[in-house]
């Protein structure tokens, strides 16, 4: 016959503490909240706008 007491015995459970996350940079959070950063268009955006403006200019052959 099987030992009946082993089935009801409380099992040993190892609890593993979760690893502590690295602390966040408080300066980055403040800068993000305040909307800090550049307020001008990048050079790539300006270059693209100039190319589009050149395409819109009429050429000499199209003047009817």
N, C-alpha and C. Protein backbone atom coordinates (compact mmCIF):
# COMPACT_ATOMS: atom_id res chain seq x y z
N UNK A 1 0.81 -1.18 0.00
CA UNK A 1 0.00 0.00 0.00
C UNK A 1 0.87 1.26 0.00
N UNK A 2 0.40 2.30 -0.68
CA UNK A 2 1.18 3.53 -0.77
C UNK A 2 1.07 4.34 0.51
N UNK A 3 2.06 5.13 0.73
CA UNK A 3 2.07 5.98 1.91
C UNK A 3 1.11 7.15 1.67
N UNK A 4 0.03 7.22 2.40
CA UNK A 4 -1.00 8.24 2.19
C UNK A 4 -0.56 9.61 2.71
N UNK A 5 0.33 9.65 3.65
CA UNK A 5 0.70 10.94 4.23
C UNK A 5 1.58 11.77 3.29
N UNK A 6 2.29 11.15 2.35
CA UNK A 6 3.18 11.92 1.47
C UNK A 6 2.39 12.78 0.48
N UNK A 7 1.15 12.39 0.16
CA UNK A 7 0.36 13.17 -0.78
C UNK A 7 -0.20 14.43 -0.17
N UNK A 8 -0.39 14.42 1.12
CA UNK A 8 -0.98 15.59 1.78
C UNK A 8 0.07 16.47 2.43
N UNK A 9 1.31 16.06 2.34
CA UNK A 9 2.37 16.84 2.96
C UNK A 9 2.58 18.15 2.20
N UNK A 10 2.88 19.23 2.91
CA UNK A 10 3.10 20.51 2.26
C UNK A 10 4.40 20.46 1.47
N UNK A 11 4.34 20.88 0.24
CA UNK A 11 5.50 20.83 -0.64
C UNK A 11 6.42 22.02 -0.34
N UNK A 12 7.71 21.79 -0.50
CA UNK A 12 8.68 22.84 -0.31
C UNK A 12 8.77 23.67 -1.59
N UNK A 13 8.51 24.96 -1.50
CA UNK A 13 8.51 25.84 -2.66
C UNK A 13 9.58 26.90 -2.45
N UNK A 14 10.46 27.04 -3.43
CA UNK A 14 11.49 28.08 -3.40
C UNK A 14 10.96 29.31 -4.11
N UNK A 15 11.00 30.42 -3.43
CA UNK A 15 10.55 31.66 -4.04
C UNK A 15 11.77 32.45 -4.50
N UNK A 16 11.72 32.87 -5.74
CA UNK A 16 12.82 33.63 -6.32
C UNK A 16 12.39 35.09 -6.38
N UNK A 17 13.19 35.96 -5.79
CA UNK A 17 12.89 37.38 -5.82
C UNK A 17 13.13 37.91 -7.23
N UNK A 18 12.22 38.75 -7.74
CA UNK A 18 12.45 39.31 -9.08
C UNK A 18 13.66 40.25 -9.06
N UNK A 19 14.40 40.23 -10.13
CA UNK A 19 15.59 41.07 -10.22
C UNK A 19 15.17 42.54 -10.22
N UNK A 20 15.92 43.34 -9.52
CA UNK A 20 15.62 44.76 -9.45
C UNK A 20 15.98 45.40 -10.79
N UNK A 21 15.04 46.16 -11.34
CA UNK A 21 15.29 46.86 -12.59
C UNK A 21 16.28 48.00 -12.34
N UNK A 22 17.03 48.34 -13.39
CA UNK A 22 17.95 49.44 -13.26
C UNK A 22 17.17 50.73 -13.01
N UNK A 23 17.67 51.61 -12.16
CA UNK A 23 16.95 52.85 -11.92
C UNK A 23 16.92 53.70 -13.19
N UNK A 24 15.81 54.32 -13.41
CA UNK A 24 15.68 55.15 -14.61
C UNK A 24 16.38 56.49 -14.42
N UNK A 25 16.74 57.08 -15.53
CA UNK A 25 17.42 58.36 -15.51
C UNK A 25 16.39 59.46 -15.21
N UNK A 26 16.47 60.13 -14.07
CA UNK A 26 15.46 61.15 -13.75
C UNK A 26 15.52 62.35 -14.68
N UNK A 27 16.70 62.66 -15.20
CA UNK A 27 16.82 63.81 -16.11
C UNK A 27 16.11 63.53 -17.43
N UNK A 28 16.16 62.29 -17.91
CA UNK A 28 15.50 61.96 -19.16
C UNK A 28 13.99 62.08 -19.02
N UNK A 29 13.46 61.67 -17.87
CA UNK A 29 12.01 61.77 -17.65
C UNK A 29 11.58 63.23 -17.61
N UNK A 30 12.37 64.08 -16.96
CA UNK A 30 12.03 65.50 -16.90
C UNK A 30 12.09 66.15 -18.28
N UNK A 31 13.09 65.79 -19.06
CA UNK A 31 13.23 66.37 -20.39
C UNK A 31 12.09 65.94 -21.29
N UNK A 32 11.68 64.69 -21.18
CA UNK A 32 10.60 64.19 -22.02
C UNK A 32 9.28 64.87 -21.66
N UNK A 33 9.05 65.07 -20.37
CA UNK A 33 7.80 65.68 -19.93
C UNK A 33 7.72 67.15 -20.34
N UNK A 34 8.84 67.84 -20.30
CA UNK A 34 8.82 69.27 -20.60
C UNK A 34 8.81 69.56 -22.09
N UNK A 35 8.98 68.56 -22.91
CA UNK A 35 8.99 68.79 -24.35
C UNK A 35 10.31 69.36 -24.83
N UNK A 36 11.37 69.08 -24.13
CA UNK A 36 12.67 69.61 -24.50
C UNK A 36 13.14 68.99 -25.81
N UNK A 37 13.95 69.72 -26.51
CA UNK A 37 14.50 69.20 -27.75
C UNK A 37 14.55 70.27 -28.82
N UNK A 38 14.95 69.86 -29.99
CA UNK A 38 15.11 70.78 -31.09
C UNK A 38 13.74 71.19 -31.63
N UNK A 39 13.60 72.47 -31.98
CA UNK A 39 12.36 72.98 -32.53
C UNK A 39 12.53 73.42 -33.97
N UNK A 40 13.52 72.91 -34.62
CA UNK A 40 13.72 73.25 -36.02
C UNK A 40 13.74 71.99 -36.85
N UNK A 41 13.53 72.16 -38.14
CA UNK A 41 13.48 71.01 -39.03
C UNK A 41 14.89 70.51 -39.30
N UNK A 42 14.99 69.20 -39.50
CA UNK A 42 16.30 68.61 -39.76
C UNK A 42 16.75 68.95 -41.17
N UNK A 43 18.02 68.74 -41.43
CA UNK A 43 18.56 69.05 -42.75
C UNK A 43 17.96 68.15 -43.83
N UNK A 44 17.62 66.91 -43.47
CA UNK A 44 17.02 66.00 -44.45
C UNK A 44 15.64 66.50 -44.87
N UNK A 45 14.87 67.01 -43.92
CA UNK A 45 13.54 67.53 -44.24
C UNK A 45 13.64 68.77 -45.10
N UNK A 46 14.59 69.65 -44.77
CA UNK A 46 14.78 70.86 -45.58
C UNK A 46 15.23 70.50 -47.00
N UNK A 47 16.14 69.54 -47.12
CA UNK A 47 16.61 69.11 -48.44
C UNK A 47 15.46 68.56 -49.27
N UNK A 48 14.61 67.76 -48.65
CA UNK A 48 13.48 67.19 -49.36
C UNK A 48 12.50 68.28 -49.80
N UNK A 49 12.27 69.27 -48.97
CA UNK A 49 11.37 70.37 -49.31
C UNK A 49 11.92 71.17 -50.48
N UNK A 50 13.22 71.38 -50.51
CA UNK A 50 13.83 72.12 -51.63
C UNK A 50 13.71 71.34 -52.93
N UNK A 51 13.89 70.03 -52.86
CA UNK A 51 13.75 69.21 -54.07
C UNK A 51 12.32 69.25 -54.60
N UNK A 52 11.35 69.22 -53.70
CA UNK A 52 9.95 69.28 -54.14
C UNK A 52 9.62 70.64 -54.73
N UNK A 53 10.19 71.70 -54.16
CA UNK A 53 9.95 73.04 -54.69
C UNK A 53 10.54 73.19 -56.07
N UNK A 54 11.70 72.60 -56.31
CA UNK A 54 12.31 72.66 -57.64
C UNK A 54 11.47 71.94 -58.69
N UNK A 55 10.86 70.83 -58.29
CA UNK A 55 10.02 70.09 -59.23
C UNK A 55 8.75 70.87 -59.60
N UNK A 56 8.28 71.75 -58.71
CA UNK A 56 7.07 72.50 -58.97
C UNK A 56 7.31 73.72 -59.87
N UNK A 57 8.56 74.16 -59.99
CA UNK A 57 8.86 75.32 -60.83
C UNK A 57 8.66 74.96 -62.29
N UNK A 58 8.07 75.86 -63.05
CA UNK A 58 7.89 75.56 -64.49
C UNK A 58 9.22 75.63 -65.23
N UNK A 59 9.36 74.76 -66.21
CA UNK A 59 10.58 74.77 -67.04
C UNK A 59 10.31 75.59 -68.29
N UNK A 60 11.35 75.91 -69.05
CA UNK A 60 11.20 76.73 -70.25
C UNK A 60 10.39 76.02 -71.33
N UNK A 61 10.48 74.72 -71.45
CA UNK A 61 9.78 73.97 -72.49
C UNK A 61 8.28 73.87 -72.28
N UNK A 62 7.83 74.06 -71.07
CA UNK A 62 6.40 73.89 -70.77
C UNK A 62 5.61 75.18 -70.85
N UNK A 63 6.25 76.29 -71.09
CA UNK A 63 5.54 77.57 -71.14
C UNK A 63 4.76 77.67 -72.45
N UNK A 64 3.46 77.44 -72.36
CA UNK A 64 2.62 77.51 -73.58
C UNK A 64 1.86 78.80 -73.64
